[in-house]
Amino acid sequence: MVKKYDKEDPFEMKAMEIPGGNIIQQAQVMAEEYRDMGMPQDELKKIFSDPFYGGLYVVYTQLGVDAVESIINQVYEDLHLLNGQES
């Protein structure tokens, strides 16, 4: 099912750039959201490089693969530390 775009729809996702924002911090927050939804680490790495996921893809193109992997690794490492598990 495909619905027509309605600019007044409060649930319609809209990507927007925040001038002066910290792209690394934004990437960490996005990665934490996907992690908290139960996405496996290797799958999250794949979707950062997928243009379908606009916000993640911007991070991937601006920071590069190594930076994205570092952010994702840190986010998942933080989870292990919070749970009292060793990474």
C-alpha atoms as a PDB file:
ATOM      1  CA  MET A   1       0.000   0.000   0.000  1.00  0.00           C
ATOM      2  CA  VAL A   2       1.306   3.413  -0.921  1.00  0.00           C
ATOM      3  CA  LYS A   3      -0.284   6.556   0.409  1.00  0.00           C
ATOM      4  CA  LYS A   4      -0.005   9.990  -1.085  1.00  0.00           C
ATOM      5  CA  TYR A   5       2.285  12.472   0.615  1.00  0.00           C
ATOM      6  CA  ASP A   6       0.428  14.832   2.930  1.00  0.00           C
ATOM      7  CA  LYS A   7       2.490  17.767   4.180  1.00  0.00           C
ATOM      8  CA  GLU A   8       0.224  18.046   7.212  1.00  0.00           C
ATOM      9  CA  ASP A   9       0.719  14.400   8.292  1.00  0.00           C
ATOM     10  CA  PRO A  10       2.396  14.524  11.736  1.00  0.00           C
ATOM     11  CA  PHE A  11       3.796  10.999  11.271  1.00  0.00           C
ATOM     12  CA  GLU A  12       5.410  11.657   7.886  1.00  0.00           C
ATOM     13  CA  MET A  13       9.182  11.423   8.287  1.00  0.00           C
ATOM     14  CA  LYS A  14      11.089  14.460   7.125  1.00  0.00           C
ATOM     15  CA  ALA A  15      14.858  14.758   6.961  1.00  0.00           C
ATOM     16  CA  MET A  16      16.266  18.130   7.781  1.00  0.00           C
ATOM     17  CA  GLU A  17      19.734  19.476   8.277  1.00  0.00           C
ATOM     18  CA  ILE A  18      20.478  21.297  11.502  1.00  0.00           C
ATOM     19  CA  PRO A  19      22.971  24.077  10.744  1.00  0.00           C
ATOM     20  CA  GLY A  20      25.969  23.941  13.027  1.00  0.00           C
ATOM     21  CA  GLY A  21      25.031  20.482  14.260  1.00  0.00           C
ATOM     22  CA  ASN A  22      27.658  17.969  15.283  1.00  0.00           C
ATOM     23  CA  ILE A  23      27.439  15.195  12.694  1.00  0.00           C
ATOM     24  CA  ILE A  24      29.325  12.720  14.886  1.00  0.00           C
ATOM     25  CA  GLN A  25      26.941  13.254  17.786  1.00  0.00           C
ATOM     26  CA  GLN A  26      23.974  12.933  15.428  1.00  0.00           C
ATOM     27  CA  ALA A  27      25.384   9.666  14.052  1.00  0.00           C
ATOM     28  CA  GLN A  28      25.836   8.325  17.585  1.00  0.00           C
ATOM     29  CA  VAL A  29      22.236   9.136  18.476  1.00  0.00           C
ATOM     30  CA  MET A  30      20.921   7.495  15.283  1.00  0.00           C
ATOM     31  CA  ALA A  31      23.074   4.419  15.875  1.00  0.00           C
ATOM     32  CA  GLU A  32      21.840   4.199  19.481  1.00  0.00           C
ATOM     33  CA  GLU A  33      18.226   4.328  18.275  1.00  0.00           C
ATOM     34  CA  TYR A  34      18.735   1.416  15.871  1.00  0.00           C
ATOM     35  CA  ARG A  35      20.729  -0.501  18.484  1.00  0.00           C
ATOM     36  CA  ASP A  36      17.954  -0.016  21.030  1.00  0.00           C
ATOM     37  CA  MET A  37      15.412  -1.334  18.509  1.00  0.00           C
ATOM     38  CA  GLY A  38      17.443  -4.554  18.413  1.00  0.00           C
ATOM     39  CA  MET A  39      19.321  -4.147  15.142  1.00  0.00           C
ATOM     40  CA  PRO A  40      22.452  -6.312  14.945  1.00  0.00           C
ATOM     41  CA  GLN A  41      25.715  -4.396  14.657  1.00  0.00           C
ATOM     42  CA  ASP A  42      26.634  -5.803  11.227  1.00  0.00           C
ATOM     43  CA  GLU A  43      23.212  -4.885   9.813  1.00  0.00           C
ATOM     44  CA  LEU A  44      23.541  -1.322  11.081  1.00  0.00           C
ATOM     45  CA  LYS A  45      26.875  -1.017   9.283  1.00  0.00           C
ATOM     46  CA  LYS A  46      25.134  -2.038   6.053  1.00  0.00           C
ATOM     47  CA  ILE A  47      22.311   0.468   6.279  1.00  0.00           C
ATOM     48  CA  PHE A  48      24.663   3.405   6.855  1.00  0.00           C
ATOM     49  CA  SER A  49      25.899   2.808   3.291  1.00  0.00           C
ATOM     50  CA  ASP A  50      22.384   2.507   1.830  1.00  0.00           C
ATOM     51  CA  PRO A  51      21.094   5.727   0.170  1.00  0.00           C
ATOM     52  CA  PHE A  52      17.546   4.739   1.193  1.00  0.00           C
ATOM     53  CA  TYR A  53      18.421   5.742   4.778  1.00  0.00           C
ATOM     54  CA  GLY A  54      19.072   9.422   4.063  1.00  0.00           C
ATOM     55  CA  GLY A  55      20.291  10.578   7.461  1.00  0.00           C
ATOM     56  CA  LEU A  56      22.615   7.632   7.923  1.00  0.00           C
ATOM     57  CA  TYR A  57      23.874   7.855   4.357  1.00  0.00           C
ATOM     58  CA  VAL A  58      24.832  11.523   4.787  1.00  0.00           C
ATOM     59  CA  VAL A  59      27.026  10.493   7.706  1.00  0.00           C
ATOM     60  CA  TYR A  60      28.539   7.691   5.625  1.00  0.00           C
ATOM     61  CA  THR A  61      29.364   9.994   2.691  1.00  0.00           C
ATOM     62  CA  GLN A  62      30.717  12.833   4.831  1.00  0.00           C
ATOM     63  CA  LEU A  63      32.715  10.881   7.403  1.00  0.00           C
ATOM     64  CA  GLY A  64      33.595   7.684   5.549  1.00  0.00           C
ATOM     65  CA  VAL A  65      33.530   3.987   6.333  1.00  0.00           C
ATOM     66  CA  ASP A  66      36.176   4.005   9.065  1.00  0.00           C
ATOM     67  CA  ALA A  67      34.476   6.762  11.060  1.00  0.00           C
ATOM     68  CA  VAL A  68      31.070   5.087  10.749  1.00  0.00           C
ATOM     69  CA  GLU A  69      32.468   1.759  11.937  1.00  0.00           C
ATOM     70  CA  SER A  70      34.163   3.496  14.853  1.00  0.00           C
ATOM     71  CA  ILE A  71      30.906   5.195  15.881  1.00  0.00           C
ATOM     72  CA  ILE A  72      28.936   1.957  15.638  1.00  0.00           C
ATOM     73  CA  ASN A  73      31.568   0.000  17.564  1.00  0.00           C
ATOM     74  CA  GLN A  74      31.566   2.618  20.321  1.00  0.00           C
ATOM     75  CA  VAL A  75      27.768   2.615  20.552  1.00  0.00           C
ATOM     76  CA  TYR A  76      27.620  -1.165  20.903  1.00  0.00           C
ATOM     77  CA  GLU A  77      30.589  -1.197  23.300  1.00  0.00           C
ATOM     78  CA  ASP A  78      28.788   1.330  25.503  1.00  0.00           C
ATOM     79  CA  LEU A  79      25.805  -1.041  25.660  1.00  0.00           C
ATOM     80  CA  HIS A  80      28.003  -3.909  26.838  1.00  0.00           C
ATOM     81  CA  LEU A  81      29.521  -1.716  29.525  1.00  0.00           C
ATOM     82  CA  LEU A  82      26.094  -0.598  30.717  1.00  0.00           C
ATOM     83  CA  ASN A  83      24.929  -4.178  30.959  1.00  0.00           C
ATOM     84  CA  GLY A  84      28.033  -5.161  32.897  1.00  0.00           C
ATOM     85  CA  GLN A  85      29.232  -7.425  30.117  1.00  0.00           C
ATOM     86  CA  GLU A  86      32.683  -7.535  28.651  1.00  0.00           C
ATOM     87  CA  SER A  87      33.018  -6.556  25.008  1.00  0.00           C
END
